[in-house]
Amino acid sequence: MKAVHLPIPGLMLLEPTVHHDERGFLYESFNQRTFNEATGTHYQFVQDNHTHSAKGVLRGMHYQTQQPQGKLVRVVRGAVYDVVVDIRRDSPAFGQWYGLTLSESSCSQLWIPPGLAHGFLTLSDGAELLYKMTDYYAPQHEACLAWNDPVVGIAWPLQQHGMAQPMLSAKDQVGKALSDI
């Protein structure tokens, strides 16, 4: 596994070794020891989530105010534009965002350390993501940064993929501005 450090501190793209032949492919999607060595961390994962989204669905930008969750995200079907925003007040990257396309064909995973808001836009006809989480879901601490906060300025690739507006949940429609979190 190769770890590529991204512009936000602690954020990494993990590229597994994929073995291809005429039958298909095989790769080790998770190994705790390999993950720890590649990332230089010692997080343990306590919860797995699986999500399916239709094209044009935007989920995010989610985080927990207490019990912040680190997330290891991979796409097992389709493609998404995956985005994080650094909301750690003591971070030199506070308020900055980073986005990239994750797809089933790349087999890459995104390591999102605790303290970042996370979301994605489904680019393909449908997409399925698997998440490994470092802490349990705590609905009483659930929060949402506005996906379209003009101060953060995320450049969602809506028009490039034939979308005028994303499909949002009621919760995601009322996300807070960065200045209010």
C-alpha atoms as a PDB file:
ATOM      1  CA  MET A   1       0.000   0.000   0.000  1.00  0.00           C
ATOM      2  CA  LYS A   2       1.234   3.448  -0.921  1.00  0.00           C
ATOM      3  CA  ALA A   3       0.190   6.505   1.128  1.00  0.00           C
ATOM      4  CA  VAL A   4       0.021   9.816  -0.731  1.00  0.00           C
ATOM      5  CA  HIS A   5      -0.040  12.826   1.607  1.00  0.00           C
ATOM      6  CA  LEU A   6      -2.562  15.441   0.500  1.00  0.00           C
ATOM      7  CA  PRO A   7      -2.563  19.222   1.198  1.00  0.00           C
ATOM      8  CA  ILE A   8      -4.596  19.025   4.424  1.00  0.00           C
ATOM      9  CA  PRO A   9      -2.524  17.721   7.379  1.00  0.00           C
ATOM     10  CA  GLY A  10      -3.221  14.036   8.020  1.00  0.00           C
ATOM     11  CA  LEU A  11      -5.352  13.547   4.897  1.00  0.00           C
ATOM     12  CA  MET A  12      -4.022  10.699   2.723  1.00  0.00           C
ATOM     13  CA  LEU A  13      -4.908   8.793  -0.410  1.00  0.00           C
ATOM     14  CA  LEU A  14      -4.129   5.108   0.099  1.00  0.00           C
ATOM     15  CA  GLU A  15      -3.333   3.170  -3.062  1.00  0.00           C
ATOM     16  CA  PRO A  16      -3.393  -0.619  -2.613  1.00  0.00           C
ATOM     17  CA  THR A  17      -1.439  -3.151  -4.597  1.00  0.00           C
ATOM     18  CA  VAL A  18      -4.013  -4.641  -6.976  1.00  0.00           C
ATOM     19  CA  HIS A  19      -3.368  -8.025  -8.575  1.00  0.00           C
ATOM     20  CA  HIS A  20      -5.042  -8.317 -11.998  1.00  0.00           C
ATOM     21  CA  ASP A  21      -5.323 -11.325 -14.277  1.00  0.00           C
ATOM     22  CA  GLU A  22      -7.773 -12.713 -16.836  1.00  0.00           C
ATOM     23  CA  ARG A  23     -10.201 -13.658 -14.033  1.00  0.00           C
ATOM     24  CA  GLY A  24     -10.418 -10.163 -12.559  1.00  0.00           C
ATOM     25  CA  PHE A  25      -8.556  -8.638  -9.627  1.00  0.00           C
ATOM     26  CA  LEU A  26      -7.725  -9.134  -5.963  1.00  0.00           C
ATOM     27  CA  TYR A  27      -6.463  -6.695  -3.380  1.00  0.00           C
ATOM     28  CA  GLU A  28      -6.321  -6.488   0.367  1.00  0.00           C
ATOM     29  CA  SER A  29      -8.858  -3.780   1.165  1.00  0.00           C
ATOM     30  CA  PHE A  30      -7.885  -3.495   4.817  1.00  0.00           C
ATOM     31  CA  ASN A  31      -5.137  -4.754   7.099  1.00  0.00           C
ATOM     32  CA  GLN A  32      -4.711  -2.955  10.438  1.00  0.00           C
ATOM     33  CA  ARG A  33      -0.927  -3.387  10.532  1.00  0.00           C
ATOM     34  CA  THR A  34      -0.476  -2.193   6.928  1.00  0.00           C
ATOM     35  CA  PHE A  35      -2.805   0.773   7.547  1.00  0.00           C
ATOM     36  CA  ASN A  36      -0.860   1.810  10.674  1.00  0.00           C
ATOM     37  CA  GLU A  37       2.486   1.532   8.871  1.00  0.00           C
ATOM     38  CA  ALA A  38       1.296   3.436   5.772  1.00  0.00           C
ATOM     39  CA  THR A  39      -0.369   6.274   7.697  1.00  0.00           C
ATOM     40  CA  GLY A  40       1.919   6.437  10.738  1.00  0.00           C
ATOM     41  CA  THR A  41      -1.177   6.306  12.960  1.00  0.00           C
ATOM     42  CA  HIS A  42      -2.577   3.840  15.479  1.00  0.00           C
ATOM     43  CA  TYR A  43      -6.305   4.318  15.049  1.00  0.00           C
ATOM     44  CA  GLN A  44      -8.594   1.343  15.578  1.00  0.00           C
ATOM     45  CA  PHE A  45     -11.837   1.056  13.642  1.00  0.00           C
ATOM     46  CA  VAL A  46     -15.057   0.342  15.532  1.00  0.00           C
ATOM     47  CA  GLN A  47     -17.819   0.718  12.946  1.00  0.00           C
ATOM     48  CA  ASP A  48     -18.347   0.069   9.224  1.00  0.00           C
ATOM     49  CA  ASN A  49     -20.913   1.979   7.145  1.00  0.00           C
ATOM     50  CA  HIS A  50     -22.208   1.256   3.645  1.00  0.00           C
ATOM     51  CA  THR A  51     -24.049   3.878   1.609  1.00  0.00           C
ATOM     52  CA  HIS A  52     -25.742   3.875  -1.776  1.00  0.00           C
ATOM     53  CA  SER A  53     -26.540   7.124  -3.575  1.00  0.00           C
ATOM     54  CA  ALA A  54     -28.137   8.005  -6.905  1.00  0.00           C
ATOM     55  CA  LYS A  55     -26.469  10.337  -9.404  1.00  0.00           C
ATOM     56  CA  GLY A  56     -26.534  13.946  -8.241  1.00  0.00           C
ATOM     57  CA  VAL A  57     -26.875  13.142  -4.537  1.00  0.00           C
ATOM     58  CA  LEU A  58     -24.650  15.302  -2.361  1.00  0.00           C
ATOM     59  CA  ARG A  59     -24.108  14.047   1.168  1.00  0.00           C
ATOM     60  CA  GLY A  60     -22.307  16.409   3.492  1.00  0.00           C
ATOM     61  CA  MET A  61     -20.506  18.134   4.907  1.00  0.00           C
ATOM     62  CA  HIS A  62     -20.809  15.925   8.004  1.00  0.00           C
ATOM     63  CA  TYR A  63     -18.874  15.800  11.260  1.00  0.00           C
ATOM     64  CA  GLN A  64     -19.421  15.172  14.977  1.00  0.00           C
ATOM     65  CA  THR A  65     -18.828  17.972  17.494  1.00  0.00           C
ATOM     66  CA  GLN A  66     -17.782  15.389  20.105  1.00  0.00           C
ATOM     67  CA  GLN A  67     -16.480  11.882  19.424  1.00  0.00           C
ATOM     68  CA  PRO A  68     -14.971  13.037  16.100  1.00  0.00           C
ATOM     69  CA  GLN A  69     -14.647  10.174  13.658  1.00  0.00           C
ATOM     70  CA  GLY A  70     -11.711   9.300  11.473  1.00  0.00           C
ATOM     71  CA  LYS A  71     -12.958   7.710   8.247  1.00  0.00           C
ATOM     72  CA  LEU A  72     -11.401   5.339   5.758  1.00  0.00           C
ATOM     73  CA  VAL A  73     -13.563   5.708   2.633  1.00  0.00           C
ATOM     74  CA  ARG A  74     -13.631   3.676  -0.574  1.00  0.00           C
ATOM     75  CA  VAL A  75     -15.971   3.438  -3.533  1.00  0.00           C
ATOM     76  CA  VAL A  76     -16.984  -0.110  -4.441  1.00  0.00           C
ATOM     77  CA  ARG A  77     -19.390   0.860  -7.234  1.00  0.00           C
ATOM     78  CA  GLY A  78     -19.500   3.985  -9.365  1.00  0.00           C
ATOM     79  CA  ALA A  79     -17.685   7.275  -8.836  1.00  0.00           C
ATOM     80  CA  VAL A  80     -17.955  10.243  -6.480  1.00  0.00           C
ATOM     81  CA  TYR A  81     -16.319  13.606  -5.984  1.00  0.00           C
ATOM     82  CA  ASP A  82     -15.172  13.295  -2.370  1.00  0.00           C
ATOM     83  CA  VAL A  83     -14.501  16.454  -0.335  1.00  0.00           C
ATOM     84  CA  VAL A  84     -13.142  17.280   3.102  1.00  0.00           C
ATOM     85  CA  VAL A  85     -12.953  20.608   4.935  1.00  0.00           C
ATOM     86  CA  ASP A  86     -10.511  21.136   7.774  1.00  0.00           C
ATOM     87  CA  ILE A  87     -12.551  22.388  10.742  1.00  0.00           C
ATOM     88  CA  ARG A  88      -9.815  21.857  13.355  1.00  0.00           C
ATOM     89  CA  ARG A  89      -9.365  25.341  14.870  1.00  0.00           C
ATOM     90  CA  ASP A  90      -5.686  24.715  15.667  1.00  0.00           C
ATOM     91  CA  SER A  91      -4.836  23.465  12.171  1.00  0.00           C
ATOM     92  CA  PRO A  92      -2.785  25.581   9.742  1.00  0.00           C
ATOM     93  CA  ALA A  93      -5.304  24.431   7.103  1.00  0.00           C
ATOM     94  CA  PHE A  94      -8.418  25.532   9.052  1.00  0.00           C
ATOM     95  CA  GLY A  95     -11.228  26.351   6.604  1.00  0.00           C
ATOM     96  CA  GLN A  96      -9.453  24.835   3.614  1.00  0.00           C
ATOM     97  CA  TRP A  97     -11.044  22.135   1.474  1.00  0.00           C
ATOM     98  CA  TYR A  98      -9.703  19.367  -0.709  1.00  0.00           C
ATOM     99  CA  GLY A  99     -11.599  17.275  -3.232  1.00  0.00           C
ATOM    100  CA  LEU A 100     -10.826  14.370  -5.524  1.00  0.00           C
ATOM    101  CA  THR A 101     -12.646  11.745  -7.540  1.00  0.00           C
ATOM    102  CA  LEU A 102     -12.826   8.278  -6.019  1.00  0.00           C
ATOM    103  CA  SER A 103     -14.045   5.404  -8.154  1.00  0.00           C
ATOM    104  CA  GLU A 104     -14.404   1.660  -8.118  1.00  0.00           C
ATOM    105  CA  SER A 105     -11.784   1.327 -10.868  1.00  0.00           C
ATOM    106  CA  SER A 106      -9.011   3.003  -8.857  1.00  0.00           C
ATOM    107  CA  CYS A 107      -9.480   0.902  -5.683  1.00  0.00           C
ATOM    108  CA  SER A 108      -7.941   3.847  -3.787  1.00  0.00           C
ATOM    109  CA  GLN A 109      -9.126   4.788  -0.329  1.00  0.00           C
ATOM    110  CA  LEU A 110      -9.209   8.157   1.385  1.00  0.00           C
ATOM    111  CA  TRP A 111      -8.019   8.387   4.997  1.00  0.00           C
ATOM    112  CA  ILE A 112      -9.830  11.288   6.657  1.00  0.00           C
ATOM    113  CA  PRO A 113      -8.485  12.007  10.144  1.00  0.00           C
ATOM    114  CA  PRO A 114     -10.817  13.080  12.960  1.00  0.00           C
ATOM    115  CA  GLY A 115     -11.710  16.780  12.879  1.00  0.00           C
ATOM    116  CA  LEU A 116     -12.549  17.132   9.202  1.00  0.00           C
ATOM    117  CA  ALA A 117     -16.008  17.648   7.723  1.00  0.00           C
ATOM    118  CA  HIS A 118     -16.700  15.144   4.951  1.00  0.00           C
ATOM    119  CA  GLY A 119     -19.063  14.887   2.018  1.00  0.00           C
ATOM    120  CA  PHE A 120     -19.371  13.650  -1.533  1.00  0.00           C
ATOM    121  CA  LEU A 121     -21.263  14.183  -4.781  1.00  0.00           C
ATOM    122  CA  THR A 122     -22.293  11.100  -6.765  1.00  0.00           C
ATOM    123  CA  LEU A 123     -21.007  11.439 -10.341  1.00  0.00           C
ATOM    124  CA  SER A 124     -22.066   8.067 -11.787  1.00  0.00           C
ATOM    125  CA  ASP A 125     -25.601   6.692 -12.216  1.00  0.00           C
ATOM    126  CA  GLY A 126     -25.243   5.278  -8.722  1.00  0.00           C
ATOM    127  CA  ALA A 127     -22.432   4.811  -6.230  1.00  0.00           C
ATOM    128  CA  GLU A 128     -21.751   2.672  -3.195  1.00  0.00           C
ATOM    129  CA  LEU A 129     -19.213   3.641  -0.562  1.00  0.00           C
ATOM    130  CA  LEU A 130     -17.815   1.702   2.364  1.00  0.00           C
ATOM    131  CA  TYR A 131     -16.551   3.609   5.401  1.00  0.00           C
ATOM    132  CA  LYS A 132     -14.503   2.360   8.322  1.00  0.00           C
ATOM    133  CA  MET A 133     -14.965   4.645  11.353  1.00  0.00           C
ATOM    134  CA  THR A 134     -12.690   5.255  14.353  1.00  0.00           C
ATOM    135  CA  ASP A 135     -15.552   6.170  16.689  1.00  0.00           C
ATOM    136  CA  TYR A 136     -19.225   5.335  16.985  1.00  0.00           C
ATOM    137  CA  TYR A 137     -22.006   7.355  15.418  1.00  0.00           C
ATOM    138  CA  ALA A 138     -23.338   9.764  18.054  1.00  0.00           C
ATOM    139  CA  PRO A 139     -26.519  11.446  16.754  1.00  0.00           C
ATOM    140  CA  GLN A 140     -26.528  13.913  19.663  1.00  0.00           C
ATOM    141  CA  HIS A 141     -23.172  15.279  18.373  1.00  0.00           C
ATOM    142  CA  GLU A 142     -23.978  15.154  14.659  1.00  0.00           C
ATOM    143  CA  ALA A 143     -23.443  18.402  12.750  1.00  0.00           C
ATOM    144  CA  CYS A 144     -23.286  19.660   9.181  1.00  0.00           C
ATOM    145  CA  LEU A 145     -21.214  22.364   7.511  1.00  0.00           C
ATOM    146  CA  ALA A 146     -23.030  24.023   4.598  1.00  0.00           C
ATOM    147  CA  TRP A 147     -22.011  22.313   1.366  1.00  0.00           C
ATOM    148  CA  ASN A 148     -22.127  25.678  -0.414  1.00  0.00           C
ATOM    149  CA  ASP A 149     -20.574  27.974   2.202  1.00  0.00           C
ATOM    150  CA  PRO A 150     -19.141  30.843   0.113  1.00  0.00           C
ATOM    151  CA  VAL A 151     -16.270  31.374   2.558  1.00  0.00           C
ATOM    152  CA  VAL A 152     -15.095  27.767   2.122  1.00  0.00           C
ATOM    153  CA  GLY A 153     -15.846  27.895  -1.622  1.00  0.00           C
ATOM    154  CA  ILE A 154     -15.930  24.218  -2.567  1.00  0.00           C
ATOM    155  CA  ALA A 155     -15.860  23.858  -6.365  1.00  0.00           C
ATOM    156  CA  TRP A 156     -18.365  21.022  -6.766  1.00  0.00           C
ATOM    157  CA  PRO A 157     -18.245  19.657 -10.360  1.00  0.00           C
ATOM    158  CA  LEU A 158     -22.008  19.897 -10.881  1.00  0.00           C
ATOM    159  CA  GLN A 159     -22.120  21.473 -14.335  1.00  0.00           C
ATOM    160  CA  GLN A 160     -19.280  19.297 -15.638  1.00  0.00           C
ATOM    161  CA  HIS A 161     -21.493  16.284 -14.913  1.00  0.00           C
ATOM    162  CA  GLY A 162     -24.756  17.699 -16.250  1.00  0.00           C
ATOM    163  CA  MET A 163     -26.269  18.751 -12.922  1.00  0.00           C
ATOM    164  CA  ALA A 164     -27.868  22.101 -12.137  1.00  0.00           C
ATOM    165  CA  GLN A 165     -28.293  21.455  -8.394  1.00  0.00           C
ATOM    166  CA  PRO A 166     -27.476  18.512  -6.134  1.00  0.00           C
ATOM    167  CA  MET A 167     -30.079  16.371  -4.370  1.00  0.00           C
ATOM    168  CA  LEU A 168     -29.797  17.085  -0.638  1.00  0.00           C
ATOM    169  CA  SER A 169     -31.316  15.651   2.515  1.00  0.00           C
ATOM    170  CA  ALA A 170     -33.303  17.988   4.761  1.00  0.00           C
ATOM    171  CA  LYS A 171     -30.371  17.969   7.214  1.00  0.00           C
ATOM    172  CA  ASP A 172     -27.851  18.878   4.511  1.00  0.00           C
ATOM    173  CA  GLN A 173     -30.037  21.754   3.273  1.00  0.00           C
ATOM    174  CA  VAL A 174     -29.570  23.566   6.590  1.00  0.00           C
ATOM    175  CA  GLY A 175     -25.837  23.093   7.164  1.00  0.00           C
ATOM    176  CA  LYS A 176     -24.129  25.867   9.106  1.00  0.00           C
ATOM    177  CA  ALA A 177     -21.593  28.357   7.831  1.00  0.00           C
ATOM    178  CA  LEU A 178     -17.960  27.815   8.829  1.00  0.00           C
ATOM    179  CA  SER A 179     -18.123  31.013  10.902  1.00  0.00           C
ATOM    180  CA  ASP A 180     -20.985  29.493  12.954  1.00  0.00           C
ATOM    181  CA  ILE A 181     -19.436  26.163  13.863  1.00  0.00           C
END
